[in-house]
Amino acid sequence: MLATKENKPDIIKALIEAKCDCYISARSGNAAIHIAARKDLLQCFQILLDNGVDINTRDPEQNTPLIISVIKKKYLILEEVLSRPDCDVNATDCYGWTALHHAAHKATGVKQLLKAGANPNVYNDSGNTPLMLAAIEGFSKVIHLLTKANCDVNMKDSSSAQKTAMHIIALKGHTECIEDMLEAGLDLNILDNQYRTPLWYALNSGRFEAVESLLKYTSHVASYSCPTQAPETSCPVKLAFLKGAKKVIKQFILIGFDKDHIRYYIQNSDDVTADWTTVDQNDWFSFIQQPLTLLQISRIWIRHYLGRLFYLNVSKLPLPKSFQDFLLFSDFKNI
C-alpha cells in the first residue's frame, strides 16, 4: 500500500513477485487498488489488475474502483476500468448507488458508463433512479444522454410519494429537457400517489414559465380533467385560484383546460381566493361561455391528432409559421 501511495510502480512489481498479498487493507479499510483509483495512479492501477487483483474489490462503503473513479472524477481510471471485461458496471455501494447514480448526480462519466452497458433504470436505496438524480440537479445534458439510452422516463420513485423525474423537473422549473423526455415516451399527465400531475407541482412552486411550457407541450390539454378519485387539493385549477394566479387561470380558459372545474371555481371564487372581484368573475365567466372560434377548434383537433409528439412535429406541418405559432399558444402573450 505504501508503494502505491508513493506511486512506485517498480516497487509494486517487486512486491508482487515476492508474493505480497495485494488485498491487505489499511486502517481505513482501503486496499492498494482503491488507493490507486482515488489518487489517479494509472500505472500502479494497471499493474495491480494485470497481476490478478479483482477489479470489483470493495472498500468499507462497498465502493468498487469504478464507483470511486466516478466519485473522485478520475477519468483515466474510469476509462481503464471500463476497458476491462470483468468490470461489474452495475455494482452498488452500501447505499444502493451504482456508478451511474453517482455519475448522474455529478454530471460526469455518464456517456462512458452508458456505452459500457450501465442500467439507467436501477433504484438506489432511497428509491431514486439516475434520471431522478439528474432531474433534481437540473442537468439537462445528463437527462439527454439517459433518454437516449432506453431510460424509462415514467418510472416512479419507490417511496410512498411515487413521483417521477418529470414531477421533479416541473417542481424545479427545469423545462429545457422536456423534448428529450417526450421522445423517450414521457407521459406529461402522469400522477403521483396524491393524484398530482407535473403541472400541479410547477404551479404550486410558482414556476409559471414551467406551467406555460407544460401547457404548450401537452397535446391533449384541451380534453384534460382531473381524475374522479382525485382529492380537491390535487386539482391544478383550484390551486391556481388559491394562489390568485390570474394569468394561469386565463390560460386554462383559453385552451379549454378542465372546463368543469374552471366553471365551478369562477362561480364559487369566494371559496378559494380573496383576490377576486365581481368584475373579474363576470368578465371571465362571460369569456368561458363564448363559443370557440374556428381557429381554436382547429388547434384543439390538430394537437389531439398529432398526439404525444405534437410539439416535436409542429414544424413539419405544411402550414404558415403564424399558424404553427398559434398551435403552440402564441396568443398566451396577449393575456
Protein backbone atom coordinates (compact mmCIF):
# COMPACT_ATOMS: atom_id res chain seq x y z
CA MET A 1 0.00 0.00 0.00
CA LEU A 2 2.82 2.40 0.82
CA ALA A 3 4.37 1.77 -2.58
CA THR A 4 1.03 2.59 -4.18
CA LYS A 5 0.57 5.74 -2.12
CA GLU A 6 4.02 6.92 -3.17
CA ASN A 7 3.36 5.99 -6.81
CA LYS A 8 6.21 3.47 -7.07
CA PRO A 9 5.17 1.02 -9.82
CA ASP A 10 8.55 -0.76 -9.88
CA ILE A 11 8.35 -1.50 -6.17
CA ILE A 12 4.79 -2.75 -6.60
CA LYS A 13 6.00 -5.18 -9.25
CA ALA A 14 8.80 -6.40 -6.98
CA LEU A 15 6.44 -6.90 -4.06
CA ILE A 16 4.00 -8.84 -6.23
CA GLU A 17 6.83 -11.08 -7.46
CA ALA A 18 7.67 -11.68 -3.79
CA LYS A 19 4.12 -12.98 -3.26
CA CYS A 20 2.87 -9.89 -1.43
CA ASP A 21 -0.85 -10.01 -0.54
CA CYS A 22 -2.39 -7.24 -2.63
CA TYR A 23 -5.67 -7.36 -0.71
CA ILE A 24 -4.27 -6.28 2.67
CA SER A 25 -6.16 -3.18 3.78
CA ALA A 26 -5.03 -0.09 5.61
CA ARG A 27 -6.73 1.01 8.82
CA SER A 28 -9.16 2.89 6.64
CA GLY A 29 -10.18 -0.39 5.04
CA ASN A 30 -8.85 0.61 1.63
CA ALA A 31 -6.72 -1.83 -0.33
CA ALA A 32 -3.97 -0.81 -2.76
CA ILE A 33 -6.40 -0.92 -5.70
CA HIS A 34 -8.67 1.64 -4.01
CA ILE A 35 -5.74 3.92 -3.22
CA ALA A 36 -4.56 3.80 -6.82
CA ALA A 37 -8.07 4.63 -8.04
CA ARG A 38 -8.52 7.54 -5.63
CA LYS A 39 -5.13 9.05 -6.45
CA ASP A 40 -5.49 8.51 -10.23
CA LEU A 41 -2.29 6.40 -10.32
CA LEU A 42 -2.95 4.69 -13.63
CA GLN A 43 0.30 2.72 -13.95
CA CYS A 44 0.04 1.34 -10.42
CA PHE A 45 -3.62 0.55 -11.02
CA GLN A 46 -2.84 -1.36 -14.22
CA ILE A 47 -0.07 -3.38 -12.57
CA LEU A 48 -2.41 -4.48 -9.79
CA LEU A 49 -5.11 -5.54 -12.24
CA ASP A 50 -2.66 -7.28 -14.56
CA ASN A 51 -1.47 -9.34 -11.63
CA GLY A 52 -4.86 -10.69 -10.68
CA VAL A 53 -6.36 -8.14 -8.32
CA ASP A 54 -10.17 -8.28 -8.59
CA ILE A 55 -11.40 -5.24 -10.48
CA ASN A 56 -14.59 -5.27 -8.39
CA THR A 57 -12.85 -5.25 -4.98
CA ARG A 58 -14.89 -3.24 -2.48
CA ASP A 59 -13.86 -0.73 0.17
CA PRO A 60 -15.66 -0.39 3.56
CA GLU A 61 -18.52 1.53 1.92
CA GLN A 62 -18.82 -1.14 -0.77
CA ASN A 63 -17.36 1.15 -3.42
CA THR A 64 -15.65 -0.57 -6.32
CA PRO A 65 -12.78 1.10 -8.21
CA LEU A 66 -15.35 2.05 -10.86
CA ILE A 67 -17.55 3.85 -8.36
CA ILE A 68 -14.51 5.54 -6.82
CA SER A 69 -13.33 6.77 -10.22
CA VAL A 70 -16.71 8.45 -10.81
CA ILE A 71 -17.00 9.97 -7.33
CA LYS A 72 -13.45 11.34 -7.48
CA LYS A 73 -13.67 12.26 -11.18
CA LYS A 74 -10.59 10.21 -12.06
CA TYR A 75 -11.14 9.87 -15.78
CA LEU A 76 -8.02 7.82 -16.61
CA ILE A 77 -9.04 5.21 -14.05
CA LEU A 78 -12.63 5.29 -15.30
CA GLU A 79 -11.55 4.54 -18.87
CA GLU A 80 -9.21 1.79 -17.71
CA VAL A 81 -11.83 0.08 -15.54
CA LEU A 82 -14.44 0.17 -18.29
CA SER A 83 -11.97 -1.36 -20.74
CA ARG A 84 -11.69 -4.48 -18.57
CA PRO A 85 -14.22 -7.24 -19.38
CA ASP A 86 -14.67 -8.30 -15.75
CA CYS A 87 -15.85 -4.89 -14.57
CA ASP A 88 -19.32 -5.00 -12.98
CA VAL A 89 -20.71 -1.75 -14.34
CA ASN A 90 -23.89 -2.09 -12.25
CA ALA A 91 -22.26 -2.84 -8.89
CA THR A 92 -23.81 -0.90 -5.99
CA ASP A 93 -22.31 0.73 -2.92
CA CYS A 94 -23.72 0.43 0.61
CA TYR A 95 -26.46 2.93 -0.25
CA GLY A 96 -27.56 1.11 -3.39
CA TRP A 97 -25.95 3.67 -5.68
CA THR A 98 -24.40 2.40 -8.90
CA ALA A 99 -21.61 4.25 -10.67
CA LEU A 100 -24.31 5.67 -12.96
CA HIS A 101 -26.21 7.10 -9.97
CA HIS A 102 -23.06 8.93 -8.91
CA ALA A 103 -22.33 9.99 -12.49
CA ALA A 104 -25.84 11.42 -12.98
CA HIS A 105 -25.62 13.22 -9.64
CA LYS A 106 -22.25 14.78 -10.54
CA ALA A 107 -22.75 15.15 -14.32
CA THR A 108 -19.56 13.23 -15.04
CA GLY A 109 -18.81 9.97 -16.85
CA VAL A 110 -22.43 9.32 -17.85
CA LYS A 111 -21.73 8.81 -21.55
CA GLN A 112 -18.92 6.32 -20.89
CA LEU A 113 -20.97 4.31 -18.41
CA LEU A 114 -23.99 4.07 -20.69
CA LYS A 115 -21.76 2.98 -23.57
CA ALA A 116 -20.38 0.26 -21.31
CA GLY A 117 -23.88 -1.05 -20.58
CA ALA A 118 -24.82 0.63 -17.31
CA ASN A 119 -28.50 0.14 -16.47
CA PRO A 120 -30.30 3.52 -16.29
CA ASN A 121 -33.39 2.06 -14.60
CA VAL A 122 -31.93 0.96 -11.25
CA TYR A 123 -33.29 2.27 -7.94
CA ASN A 124 -30.92 3.22 -5.14
CA ASP A 125 -31.91 2.60 -1.52
CA SER A 126 -33.70 5.97 -1.40
CA GLY A 127 -35.88 4.91 -4.32
CA ASN A 128 -34.31 7.16 -6.95
CA THR A 129 -33.07 6.33 -10.45
CA PRO A 130 -30.16 8.11 -12.16
CA LEU A 131 -32.71 10.14 -14.16
CA MET A 132 -34.34 11.39 -10.96
CA LEU A 133 -30.98 12.47 -9.55
CA ALA A 134 -30.19 14.35 -12.76
CA ALA A 135 -33.63 15.98 -12.58
CA ILE A 136 -33.00 17.13 -9.00
CA GLU A 137 -29.78 18.82 -10.10
CA GLY A 138 -31.24 20.19 -13.33
CA PHE A 139 -28.59 18.54 -15.51
CA SER A 140 -30.29 18.72 -18.92
CA LYS A 141 -27.29 17.25 -20.77
CA VAL A 142 -27.30 14.22 -18.47
CA ILE A 143 -31.04 13.82 -18.96
CA HIS A 144 -30.48 13.95 -22.73
CA LEU A 145 -27.95 11.11 -22.54
CA LEU A 146 -30.17 9.00 -20.30
CA THR A 147 -33.24 9.40 -22.51
CA LYS A 148 -31.24 8.16 -25.50
CA ALA A 149 -30.22 5.03 -23.58
CA ASN A 150 -33.59 3.28 -23.14
CA CYS A 151 -34.23 5.06 -19.88
CA ASP A 152 -37.80 4.64 -18.58
CA VAL A 153 -38.81 8.27 -18.15
CA ASN A 154 -42.11 7.34 -16.48
CA MET A 155 -40.62 5.31 -13.61
CA LYS A 156 -41.96 6.40 -10.23
CA ASP A 157 -39.70 6.56 -7.21
CA SER A 158 -40.05 3.55 -4.94
CA SER A 159 -41.04 5.65 -1.92
CA SER A 160 -44.63 6.30 -0.92
CA ALA A 161 -44.62 9.58 -2.87
CA GLN A 162 -44.48 7.82 -6.27
CA LYS A 163 -43.04 10.86 -8.03
CA THR A 164 -41.39 10.66 -11.45
CA ALA A 165 -38.46 12.63 -12.79
CA MET A 166 -40.98 14.87 -14.55
CA HIS A 167 -42.61 15.83 -11.25
CA ILE A 168 -39.17 16.89 -10.02
CA ILE A 169 -38.36 18.78 -13.22
CA ALA A 170 -41.66 20.68 -13.00
CA LEU A 171 -41.17 21.45 -9.31
CA LYS A 172 -37.76 22.97 -10.03
CA GLY A 173 -38.72 24.60 -13.32
CA HIS A 174 -36.15 22.72 -15.45
CA THR A 175 -38.30 22.57 -18.58
CA GLU A 176 -35.49 22.71 -21.15
CA CYS A 177 -35.25 18.91 -21.19
CA ILE A 178 -38.93 18.10 -21.84
CA GLU A 179 -38.45 17.50 -25.57
CA ASP A 180 -35.90 14.74 -24.88
CA MET A 181 -38.29 13.22 -22.36
CA LEU A 182 -41.19 13.31 -24.83
CA GLU A 183 -39.14 11.50 -27.46
CA ALA A 184 -38.42 8.83 -24.85
CA GLY A 185 -42.13 8.26 -24.12
CA LEU A 186 -42.93 10.79 -21.40
CA ASP A 187 -46.48 10.97 -20.06
CA LEU A 188 -46.94 14.64 -19.11
CA ASN A 189 -50.13 13.88 -17.14
CA ILE A 190 -48.63 11.11 -15.00
CA LEU A 191 -49.86 11.14 -11.39
CA ASP A 192 -48.06 10.66 -8.10
CA ASN A 193 -49.69 8.92 -5.13
CA GLN A 194 -51.74 12.05 -4.36
CA TYR A 195 -53.06 12.29 -7.95
CA ARG A 196 -50.87 15.31 -8.66
CA THR A 197 -49.51 15.98 -12.15
CA PRO A 198 -46.22 17.70 -13.01
CA LEU A 199 -48.32 20.77 -13.90
CA TRP A 200 -49.62 20.89 -10.31
CA TYR A 201 -46.05 20.87 -8.97
CA ALA A 202 -44.93 23.65 -11.31
CA LEU A 203 -47.91 25.77 -10.28
CA ASN A 204 -47.52 25.06 -6.57
CA SER A 205 -43.85 26.11 -6.61
CA GLY A 206 -44.59 29.30 -8.53
CA ARG A 207 -42.79 28.17 -11.69
CA PHE A 208 -45.19 29.96 -14.02
CA GLU A 209 -42.89 29.73 -17.04
CA ALA A 210 -42.81 25.97 -16.48
CA VAL A 211 -46.63 25.94 -16.27
CA GLU A 212 -46.82 27.67 -19.65
CA SER A 213 -44.31 25.23 -21.16
CA LEU A 214 -46.21 22.21 -19.86
CA LEU A 215 -49.46 23.52 -21.33
CA LYS A 216 -47.75 24.03 -24.68
CA TYR A 217 -46.18 20.57 -24.69
CA THR A 218 -49.32 18.64 -23.68
CA SER A 219 -51.16 17.64 -26.84
CA HIS A 220 -54.49 16.67 -25.19
CA VAL A 221 -54.54 19.65 -22.84
CA ALA A 222 -57.99 20.78 -24.05
CA SER A 223 -59.58 17.48 -23.03
CA TYR A 224 -57.90 17.18 -19.62
CA SER A 225 -59.96 16.87 -16.48
CA CYS A 226 -58.98 15.73 -13.01
CA PRO A 227 -59.49 12.03 -12.24
CA THR A 228 -62.77 11.44 -10.41
CA GLN A 229 -60.96 9.87 -7.45
CA ALA A 230 -58.55 12.80 -7.06
CA PRO A 231 -58.98 15.00 -3.95
CA GLU A 232 -59.69 18.71 -4.44
CA THR A 233 -56.22 19.56 -3.15
CA SER A 234 -54.73 17.90 -6.23
CA CYS A 235 -56.71 19.96 -8.74
CA PRO A 236 -54.50 22.38 -10.74
CA VAL A 237 -57.48 24.68 -11.35
CA LYS A 238 -58.28 25.02 -7.66
CA LEU A 239 -54.61 25.58 -6.91
CA ALA A 240 -54.46 28.38 -9.49
CA PHE A 241 -57.42 30.09 -7.80
CA LEU A 242 -55.91 29.61 -4.33
CA LYS A 243 -52.70 31.25 -5.50
CA GLY A 244 -54.52 34.04 -7.30
CA ALA A 245 -52.68 33.08 -10.49
CA LYS A 246 -54.98 35.02 -12.80
CA LYS A 247 -52.78 34.68 -15.87
CA VAL A 248 -52.68 30.90 -15.47
CA ILE A 249 -56.45 30.78 -14.98
CA LYS A 250 -56.97 32.73 -18.17
CA GLN A 251 -54.57 30.38 -19.98
CA PHE A 252 -56.65 27.46 -18.71
CA ILE A 253 -59.80 29.12 -20.04
CA LEU A 254 -58.23 29.98 -23.38
CA ILE A 255 -57.20 26.39 -24.12
CA GLY A 256 -60.19 24.63 -22.52
CA PHE A 257 -58.29 23.03 -19.65
CA ASP A 258 -60.51 21.17 -17.14
CA LYS A 259 -63.63 23.11 -18.15
CA ASP A 260 -65.90 21.77 -15.39
CA HIS A 261 -63.60 22.89 -12.58
CA ILE A 262 -62.98 26.23 -14.28
CA ARG A 263 -66.73 26.94 -14.38
CA TYR A 264 -67.21 25.81 -10.79
CA TYR A 265 -64.42 27.89 -9.29
CA ILE A 266 -65.28 31.01 -11.29
CA GLN A 267 -68.84 30.80 -9.93
CA ASN A 268 -67.63 29.94 -6.40
CA SER A 269 -64.47 32.01 -6.28
CA ASP A 270 -65.13 33.23 -2.71
CA ASP A 271 -64.40 29.70 -1.51
CA VAL A 272 -60.85 29.69 -2.83
CA THR A 273 -59.44 33.20 -3.07
CA ALA A 274 -59.88 36.69 -1.68
CA ASP A 275 -58.04 38.25 -4.63
CA TRP A 276 -61.11 38.36 -6.84
CA THR A 277 -63.66 40.98 -7.86
CA THR A 278 -67.17 40.89 -9.26
CA VAL A 279 -65.79 42.40 -12.47
CA ASP A 280 -63.27 39.55 -12.74
CA GLN A 281 -65.95 36.98 -12.12
CA ASN A 282 -68.43 38.36 -14.63
CA ASP A 283 -65.80 39.06 -17.29
CA TRP A 284 -64.21 35.62 -17.12
CA PHE A 285 -67.45 33.70 -16.82
CA SER A 286 -68.66 35.53 -19.92
CA PHE A 287 -65.41 34.65 -21.67
CA ILE A 288 -65.69 30.94 -20.89
CA GLN A 289 -69.29 30.86 -22.15
CA GLN A 290 -68.31 32.14 -25.58
CA PRO A 291 -68.27 29.55 -28.40
CA LEU A 292 -64.89 28.53 -29.72
CA THR A 293 -63.69 30.13 -32.91
CA LEU A 294 -62.83 28.01 -35.94
CA LEU A 295 -59.15 28.68 -35.26
CA GLN A 296 -59.45 27.45 -31.67
CA ILE A 297 -61.30 24.31 -32.76
CA SER A 298 -58.63 23.64 -35.40
CA ARG A 299 -55.93 23.99 -32.77
CA ILE A 300 -57.60 21.51 -30.43
CA TRP A 301 -58.02 18.85 -33.10
CA ILE A 302 -54.60 19.23 -34.72
CA ARG A 303 -52.89 18.96 -31.34
CA HIS A 304 -55.07 15.98 -30.42
CA TYR A 305 -54.44 14.23 -33.74
CA LEU A 306 -50.64 14.62 -33.61
CA GLY A 307 -50.59 13.11 -30.12
CA ARG A 308 -47.76 12.91 -27.61
CA LEU A 309 -45.06 14.09 -30.03
CA PHE A 310 -47.16 17.03 -31.16
CA TYR A 311 -44.67 19.68 -30.07
CA LEU A 312 -41.84 18.00 -31.95
CA ASN A 313 -43.86 17.62 -35.16
CA VAL A 314 -45.46 21.05 -35.48
CA SER A 315 -42.58 22.44 -37.54
CA LYS A 316 -43.02 19.61 -40.07
CA LEU A 317 -46.58 20.60 -40.91
CA PRO A 318 -47.17 22.37 -44.28
CA LEU A 319 -48.67 25.36 -42.50
CA PRO A 320 -47.77 29.06 -42.31
CA LYS A 321 -45.39 29.92 -39.49
CA SER A 322 -48.02 32.17 -37.92
CA PHE A 323 -50.46 29.24 -37.63
CA GLN A 324 -47.75 26.94 -36.29
CA ASP A 325 -47.12 29.53 -33.59
CA PHE A 326 -50.86 29.68 -32.89
CA LEU A 327 -50.87 25.91 -32.38
CA LEU A 328 -48.20 26.50 -29.73
CA PHE A 329 -50.39 29.04 -27.92
CA SER A 330 -48.68 32.18 -29.20
CA ASP A 331 -51.81 34.02 -28.04
CA PHE A 332 -50.66 33.44 -24.44
CA LYS A 333 -48.56 36.59 -24.80
CA ASN A 334 -51.72 38.67 -25.13
CA ILE A 335 -53.08 37.55 -21.76
